[in-house]
Amino acid sequence: MVWPYTEEHKLARELYEIYLSGDLKPWDEPRQLLEDALERFKTKGKAKRPKPVRGQSERRKRAAQARS
């Protein structure tokens, strides 16, 4: 199995190596962050998608409407 090596993979590996050394503190572990995110998802249902950034042409239209 092959997957793309990303910056996230690199960071996760470094964190895992610190964990193996015994130097990782409980407040440094990502488990709490992940559990909190999952809990928010479970209580609110499907995560909302962020609104798309409005395009340049829409800004011009709104600016023109504001001037008139």
PDB file of N, CA and C in Angstrom:
ATOM      1  N   MET A   1       0.846  -1.174   0.000  1.00  0.00           N
ATOM      2  CA  MET A   1       0.000   0.000   0.000  1.00  0.00           C
ATOM      3  C   MET A   1       0.893   1.239   0.000  1.00  0.00           C
ATOM      4  N   VAL A   2       0.559   2.184  -0.852  1.00  0.00           N
ATOM      5  CA  VAL A   2       1.349   3.403  -0.976  1.00  0.00           C
ATOM      6  C   VAL A   2       0.421   4.603  -0.840  1.00  0.00           C
ATOM      7  N   TRP A   3       0.874   5.625  -0.125  1.00  0.00           N
ATOM      8  CA  TRP A   3       0.124   6.871  -0.024  1.00  0.00           C
ATOM      9  C   TRP A   3       1.100   8.029  -0.144  1.00  0.00           C
ATOM     10  N   PRO A   4       0.596   9.185  -0.515  1.00  0.00           N
ATOM     11  CA  PRO A   4       1.496  10.327  -0.686  1.00  0.00           C
ATOM     12  C   PRO A   4       2.066  10.782   0.660  1.00  0.00           C
ATOM     13  N   TYR A   5       3.331  11.079   0.673  1.00  0.00           N
ATOM     14  CA  TYR A   5       3.990  11.574   1.876  1.00  0.00           C
ATOM     15  C   TYR A   5       3.748  13.070   1.966  1.00  0.00           C
ATOM     16  N   THR A   6       3.058  13.489   2.999  1.00  0.00           N
ATOM     17  CA  THR A   6       2.725  14.901   3.162  1.00  0.00           C
ATOM     18  C   THR A   6       3.373  15.451   4.424  1.00  0.00           C
ATOM     19  N   GLU A   7       3.258  16.733   4.598  1.00  0.00           N
ATOM     20  CA  GLU A   7       3.773  17.378   5.803  1.00  0.00           C
ATOM     21  C   GLU A   7       3.079  16.821   7.050  1.00  0.00           C
ATOM     22  N   GLU A   8       1.799  16.481   6.939  1.00  0.00           N
ATOM     23  CA  GLU A   8       1.075  15.903   8.066  1.00  0.00           C
ATOM     24  C   GLU A   8       1.665  14.565   8.476  1.00  0.00           C
ATOM     25  N   HIS A   9       2.047  13.748   7.482  1.00  0.00           N
ATOM     26  CA  HIS A   9       2.674  12.458   7.785  1.00  0.00           C
ATOM     27  C   HIS A   9       4.005  12.670   8.517  1.00  0.00           C
ATOM     28  N   LYS A  10       4.769  13.642   8.055  1.00  0.00           N
ATOM     29  CA  LYS A  10       6.057  13.936   8.676  1.00  0.00           C
ATOM     30  C   LYS A  10       5.864  14.351  10.134  1.00  0.00           C
ATOM     31  N   LEU A  11       4.903  15.237  10.376  1.00  0.00           N
ATOM     32  CA  LEU A  11       4.641  15.693  11.739  1.00  0.00           C
ATOM     33  C   LEU A  11       4.148  14.554  12.622  1.00  0.00           C
ATOM     34  N   ALA A  12       3.282  13.710  12.080  1.00  0.00           N
ATOM     35  CA  ALA A  12       2.766  12.580  12.852  1.00  0.00           C
ATOM     36  C   ALA A  12       3.888  11.613  13.211  1.00  0.00           C
ATOM     37  N   ARG A  13       4.797  11.389  12.285  1.00  0.00           N
ATOM     38  CA  ARG A  13       5.919  10.488  12.574  1.00  0.00           C
ATOM     39  C   ARG A  13       6.819  11.067  13.658  1.00  0.00           C
ATOM     40  N   GLU A  14       7.106  12.355  13.582  1.00  0.00           N
ATOM     41  CA  GLU A  14       7.922  12.990  14.612  1.00  0.00           C
ATOM     42  C   GLU A  14       7.254  12.898  15.981  1.00  0.00           C
ATOM     43  N   LEU A  15       5.939  13.140  16.011  1.00  0.00           N
ATOM     44  CA  LEU A  15       5.196  13.042  17.263  1.00  0.00           C
ATOM     45  C   LEU A  15       5.226  11.617  17.799  1.00  0.00           C
ATOM     46  N   TYR A  16       5.105  10.632  16.918  1.00  0.00           N
ATOM     47  CA  TYR A  16       5.144   9.226  17.318  1.00  0.00           C
ATOM     48  C   TYR A  16       6.517   8.870  17.894  1.00  0.00           C
ATOM     49  N   GLU A  17       7.576   9.389  17.294  1.00  0.00           N
ATOM     50  CA  GLU A  17       8.921   9.121  17.813  1.00  0.00           C
ATOM     51  C   GLU A  17       9.107   9.727  19.205  1.00  0.00           C
ATOM     52  N   ILE A  18       8.538  10.899  19.442  1.00  0.00           N
ATOM     53  CA  ILE A  18       8.594  11.501  20.776  1.00  0.00           C
ATOM     54  C   ILE A  18       7.792  10.655  21.757  1.00  0.00           C
ATOM     55  N   TYR A  19       6.652  10.154  21.308  1.00  0.00           N
ATOM     56  CA  TYR A  19       5.822   9.280  22.135  1.00  0.00           C
ATOM     57  C   TYR A  19       6.613   8.031  22.539  1.00  0.00           C
ATOM     58  N   LEU A  20       7.304   7.425  21.589  1.00  0.00           N
ATOM     59  CA  LEU A  20       8.081   6.220  21.877  1.00  0.00           C
ATOM     60  C   LEU A  20       9.220   6.493  22.857  1.00  0.00           C
ATOM     61  N   SER A  21       9.773   7.700  22.817  1.00  0.00           N
ATOM     62  CA  SER A  21      10.862   8.036  23.729  1.00  0.00           C
ATOM     63  C   SER A  21      10.366   8.250  25.153  1.00  0.00           C
ATOM     64  N   GLY A  22       9.057   8.421  25.326  1.00  0.00           N
ATOM     65  CA  GLY A  22       8.492   8.641  26.654  1.00  0.00           C
ATOM     66  C   GLY A  22       8.474  10.095  27.063  1.00  0.00           C
ATOM     67  N   ASP A  23       8.850  10.995  26.164  1.00  0.00           N
ATOM     68  CA  ASP A  23       8.911  12.420  26.492  1.00  0.00           C
ATOM     69  C   ASP A  23       7.624  13.175  26.166  1.00  0.00           C
ATOM     70  N   LEU A  24       6.659  12.527  25.559  1.00  0.00           N
ATOM     71  CA  LEU A  24       5.416  13.206  25.183  1.00  0.00           C
ATOM     72  C   LEU A  24       4.535  13.374  26.413  1.00  0.00           C
ATOM     73  N   LYS A  25       4.138  14.577  26.677  1.00  0.00           N
ATOM     74  CA  LYS A  25       3.283  14.879  27.829  1.00  0.00           C
ATOM     75  C   LYS A  25       1.818  14.734  27.428  1.00  0.00           C
ATOM     76  N   PRO A  26       0.945  14.443  28.396  1.00  0.00           N
ATOM     77  CA  PRO A  26      -0.480  14.249  28.061  1.00  0.00           C
ATOM     78  C   PRO A  26      -1.102  15.429  27.332  1.00  0.00           C
ATOM     79  N   TRP A  27      -0.718  16.647  27.688  1.00  0.00           N
ATOM     80  CA  TRP A  27      -1.309  17.820  27.030  1.00  0.00           C
ATOM     81  C   TRP A  27      -0.761  18.030  25.622  1.00  0.00           C
ATOM     82  N   ASP A  28       0.297  17.303  25.272  1.00  0.00           N
ATOM     83  CA  ASP A  28       0.847  17.377  23.924  1.00  0.00           C
ATOM     84  C   ASP A  28       0.234  16.354  22.972  1.00  0.00           C
ATOM     85  N   GLU A  29      -0.507  15.415  23.512  1.00  0.00           N
ATOM     86  CA  GLU A  29      -1.060  14.351  22.676  1.00  0.00           C
ATOM     87  C   GLU A  29      -2.269  14.861  21.888  1.00  0.00           C
ATOM     88  N   PRO A  30      -2.404  14.442  20.642  1.00  0.00           N
ATOM     89  CA  PRO A  30      -3.523  14.901  19.821  1.00  0.00           C
ATOM     90  C   PRO A  30      -4.835  14.194  20.143  1.00  0.00           C
ATOM     91  N   ARG A  31      -4.804  13.213  21.024  1.00  0.00           N
ATOM     92  CA  ARG A  31      -6.018  12.436  21.303  1.00  0.00           C
ATOM     93  C   ARG A  31      -7.175  13.324  21.762  1.00  0.00           C
ATOM     94  N   GLN A  32      -6.900  14.235  22.683  1.00  0.00           N
ATOM     95  CA  GLN A  32      -7.963  15.104  23.192  1.00  0.00           C
ATOM     96  C   GLN A  32      -8.536  15.977  22.084  1.00  0.00           C
ATOM     97  N   LEU A  33      -7.694  16.501  21.224  1.00  0.00           N
ATOM     98  CA  LEU A  33      -8.166  17.317  20.107  1.00  0.00           C
ATOM     99  C   LEU A  33      -9.065  16.501  19.186  1.00  0.00           C
ATOM    100  N   LEU A  34      -8.655  15.281  18.898  1.00  0.00           N
ATOM    101  CA  LEU A  34      -9.445  14.419  18.014  1.00  0.00           C
ATOM    102  C   LEU A  34     -10.775  14.043  18.655  1.00  0.00           C
ATOM    103  N   GLU A  35     -10.737  13.709  19.944  1.00  0.00           N
ATOM    104  CA  GLU A  35     -11.976  13.345  20.631  1.00  0.00           C
ATOM    105  C   GLU A  35     -12.950  14.515  20.661  1.00  0.00           C
ATOM    106  N   ASP A  36     -12.450  15.722  20.900  1.00  0.00           N
ATOM    107  CA  ASP A  36     -13.310  16.903  20.915  1.00  0.00           C
ATOM    108  C   ASP A  36     -13.944  17.140  19.543  1.00  0.00           C
ATOM    109  N   ALA A  37     -13.156  16.989  18.487  1.00  0.00           N
ATOM    110  CA  ALA A  37     -13.690  17.175  17.133  1.00  0.00           C
ATOM    111  C   ALA A  37     -14.760  16.139  16.825  1.00  0.00           C
ATOM    112  N   LEU A  38     -14.518  14.898  17.193  1.00  0.00           N
ATOM    113  CA  LEU A  38     -15.525  13.850  16.956  1.00  0.00           C
ATOM    114  C   LEU A  38     -16.783  14.106  17.767  1.00  0.00           C
ATOM    115  N   GLU A  39     -16.635  14.557  18.984  1.00  0.00           N
ATOM    116  CA  GLU A  39     -17.802  14.839  19.821  1.00  0.00           C
ATOM    117  C   GLU A  39     -18.638  15.970  19.226  1.00  0.00           C
ATOM    118  N   ARG A  40     -17.981  17.016  18.723  1.00  0.00           N
ATOM    119  CA  ARG A  40     -18.730  18.103  18.075  1.00  0.00           C
ATOM    120  C   ARG A  40     -19.492  17.587  16.869  1.00  0.00           C
ATOM    121  N   PHE A  41     -18.859  16.723  16.104  1.00  0.00           N
ATOM    122  CA  PHE A  41     -19.506  16.169  14.920  1.00  0.00           C
ATOM    123  C   PHE A  41     -20.713  15.325  15.313  1.00  0.00           C
ATOM    124  N   LYS A  42     -20.559  14.506  16.341  1.00  0.00           N
ATOM    125  CA  LYS A  42     -21.647  13.621  16.775  1.00  0.00           C
ATOM    126  C   LYS A  42     -22.826  14.404  17.320  1.00  0.00           C
ATOM    127  N   THR A  43     -22.572  15.490  18.053  1.00  0.00           N
ATOM    128  CA  THR A  43     -23.661  16.251  18.644  1.00  0.00           C
ATOM    129  C   THR A  43     -24.352  17.162  17.641  1.00  0.00           C
ATOM    130  N   LYS A  44     -23.609  17.677  16.665  1.00  0.00           N
ATOM    131  CA  LYS A  44     -24.194  18.608  15.704  1.00  0.00           C
ATOM    132  C   LYS A  44     -24.584  17.937  14.397  1.00  0.00           C
ATOM    133  N   GLY A  45     -24.212  16.709  14.210  1.00  0.00           N
ATOM    134  CA  GLY A  45     -24.514  16.038  12.949  1.00  0.00           C
ATOM    135  C   GLY A  45     -23.459  16.348  11.916  1.00  0.00           C
ATOM    136  N   LYS A  46     -23.833  16.302  10.689  1.00  0.00           N
ATOM    137  CA  LYS A  46     -22.881  16.499   9.599  1.00  0.00           C
ATOM    138  C   LYS A  46     -22.235  17.872   9.695  1.00  0.00           C
ATOM    139  N   ALA A  47     -20.936  17.889   9.513  1.00  0.00           N
ATOM    140  CA  ALA A  47     -20.190  19.143   9.573  1.00  0.00           C
ATOM    141  C   ALA A  47     -20.609  20.059   8.437  1.00  0.00           C
ATOM    142  N   LYS A  48     -20.725  21.340   8.746  1.00  0.00           N
ATOM    143  CA  LYS A  48     -21.094  22.304   7.717  1.00  0.00           C
ATOM    144  C   LYS A  48     -19.892  22.623   6.853  1.00  0.00           C
ATOM    145  N   ARG A  49     -20.139  22.786   5.576  1.00  0.00           N
ATOM    146  CA  ARG A  49     -19.074  23.175   4.668  1.00  0.00           C
ATOM    147  C   ARG A  49     -18.889  24.680   4.773  1.00  0.00           C
ATOM    148  N   PRO A  50     -17.661  25.132   4.729  1.00  0.00           N
ATOM    149  CA  PRO A  50     -17.443  26.586   4.783  1.00  0.00           C
ATOM    150  C   PRO A  50     -17.993  27.258   3.531  1.00  0.00           C
ATOM    151  N   LYS A  51     -18.448  28.481   3.708  1.00  0.00           N
ATOM    152  CA  LYS A  51     -18.965  29.226   2.569  1.00  0.00           C
ATOM    153  C   LYS A  51     -17.823  29.533   1.612  1.00  0.00           C
ATOM    154  N   PRO A  52     -18.073  29.429   0.327  1.00  0.00           N
ATOM    155  CA  PRO A  52     -16.994  29.721  -0.631  1.00  0.00           C
ATOM    156  C   PRO A  52     -16.650  31.205  -0.607  1.00  0.00           C
ATOM    157  N   VAL A  53     -15.410  31.501  -0.888  1.00  0.00           N
ATOM    158  CA  VAL A  53     -14.965  32.892  -0.960  1.00  0.00           C
ATOM    159  C   VAL A  53     -15.587  33.514  -2.197  1.00  0.00           C
ATOM    160  N   ARG A  54     -16.154  34.666  -1.995  1.00  0.00           N
ATOM    161  CA  ARG A  54     -16.796  35.328  -3.130  1.00  0.00           C
ATOM    162  C   ARG A  54     -15.751  35.787  -4.127  1.00  0.00           C
ATOM    163  N   GLY A  55     -16.112  35.691  -5.375  1.00  0.00           N
ATOM    164  CA  GLY A  55     -15.185  36.068  -6.442  1.00  0.00           C
ATOM    165  C   GLY A  55     -15.030  37.557  -6.588  1.00  0.00           C
ATOM    166  N   GLN A  56     -14.045  37.951  -7.320  1.00  0.00           N
ATOM    167  CA  GLN A  56     -13.753  39.366  -7.555  1.00  0.00           C
ATOM    168  C   GLN A  56     -14.926  40.043  -8.250  1.00  0.00           C
ATOM    169  N   SER A  57     -15.573  39.352  -9.189  1.00  0.00           N
ATOM    170  CA  SER A  57     -16.672  39.977  -9.920  1.00  0.00           C
ATOM    171  C   SER A  57     -17.850  40.267  -8.995  1.00  0.00           C
ATOM    172  N   GLU A  58     -18.087  39.419  -8.006  1.00  0.00           N
ATOM    173  CA  GLU A  58     -19.187  39.672  -7.073  1.00  0.00           C
ATOM    174  C   GLU A  58     -18.891  40.890  -6.209  1.00  0.00           C
ATOM    175  N   ARG A  59     -17.626  41.087  -5.852  1.00  0.00           N
ATOM    176  CA  ARG A  59     -17.259  42.263  -5.068  1.00  0.00           C
ATOM    177  C   ARG A  59     -17.511  43.535  -5.871  1.00  0.00           C
ATOM    178  N   ARG A  60     -17.175  43.484  -7.145  1.00  0.00           N
ATOM    179  CA  ARG A  60     -17.398  44.655  -7.995  1.00  0.00           C
ATOM    180  C   ARG A  60     -18.891  44.960  -8.105  1.00  0.00           C
ATOM    181  N   LYS A  61     -19.710  43.917  -8.243  1.00  0.00           N
ATOM    182  CA  LYS A  61     -21.157  44.118  -8.350  1.00  0.00           C
ATOM    183  C   LYS A  61     -21.703  44.765  -7.068  1.00  0.00           C
ATOM    184  N   ARG A  62     -21.240  44.240  -5.911  1.00  0.00           N
ATOM    185  CA  ARG A  62     -21.730  44.792  -4.654  1.00  0.00           C
ATOM    186  C   ARG A  62     -21.263  46.233  -4.472  1.00  0.00           C
ATOM    187  N   ALA A  63     -20.031  46.531  -4.881  1.00  0.00           N
ATOM    188  CA  ALA A  63     -19.516  47.894  -4.771  1.00  0.00           C
ATOM    189  C   ALA A  63     -20.319  48.848  -5.676  1.00  0.00           C
ATOM    190  N   ALA A  64     -20.653  48.382  -6.875  1.00  0.00           N
ATOM    191  CA  ALA A  64     -21.425  49.193  -7.794  1.00  0.00           C
ATOM    192  C   ALA A  64     -22.830  49.436  -7.257  1.00  0.00           C
ATOM    193  N   GLN A  65     -23.414  48.421  -6.639  1.00  0.00           N
ATOM    194  CA  GLN A  65     -24.760  48.578  -6.076  1.00  0.00           C
ATOM    195  C   GLN A  65     -24.730  49.541  -4.895  1.00  0.00           C
ATOM    196  N   ALA A  66     -23.673  49.508  -4.102  1.00  0.00           N
ATOM    197  CA  ALA A  66     -23.571  50.396  -2.955  1.00  0.00           C
ATOM    198  C   ALA A  66     -23.432  51.859  -3.382  1.00  0.00           C
ATOM    199  N   ARG A  67     -22.757  52.075  -4.512  1.00  0.00           N
ATOM    200  CA  ARG A  67     -22.563  53.447  -4.999  1.00  0.00           C
ATOM    201  C   ARG A  67     -23.844  54.019  -5.594  1.00  0.00           C
ATOM    202  N   SER A  68     -24.726  53.184  -6.105  1.00  0.00           N
ATOM    203  CA  SER A  68     -25.927  53.721  -6.747  1.00  0.00           C
ATOM    204  C   SER A  68     -27.084  53.895  -5.811  1.00  0.00           C
TER     205      SER A  68
END
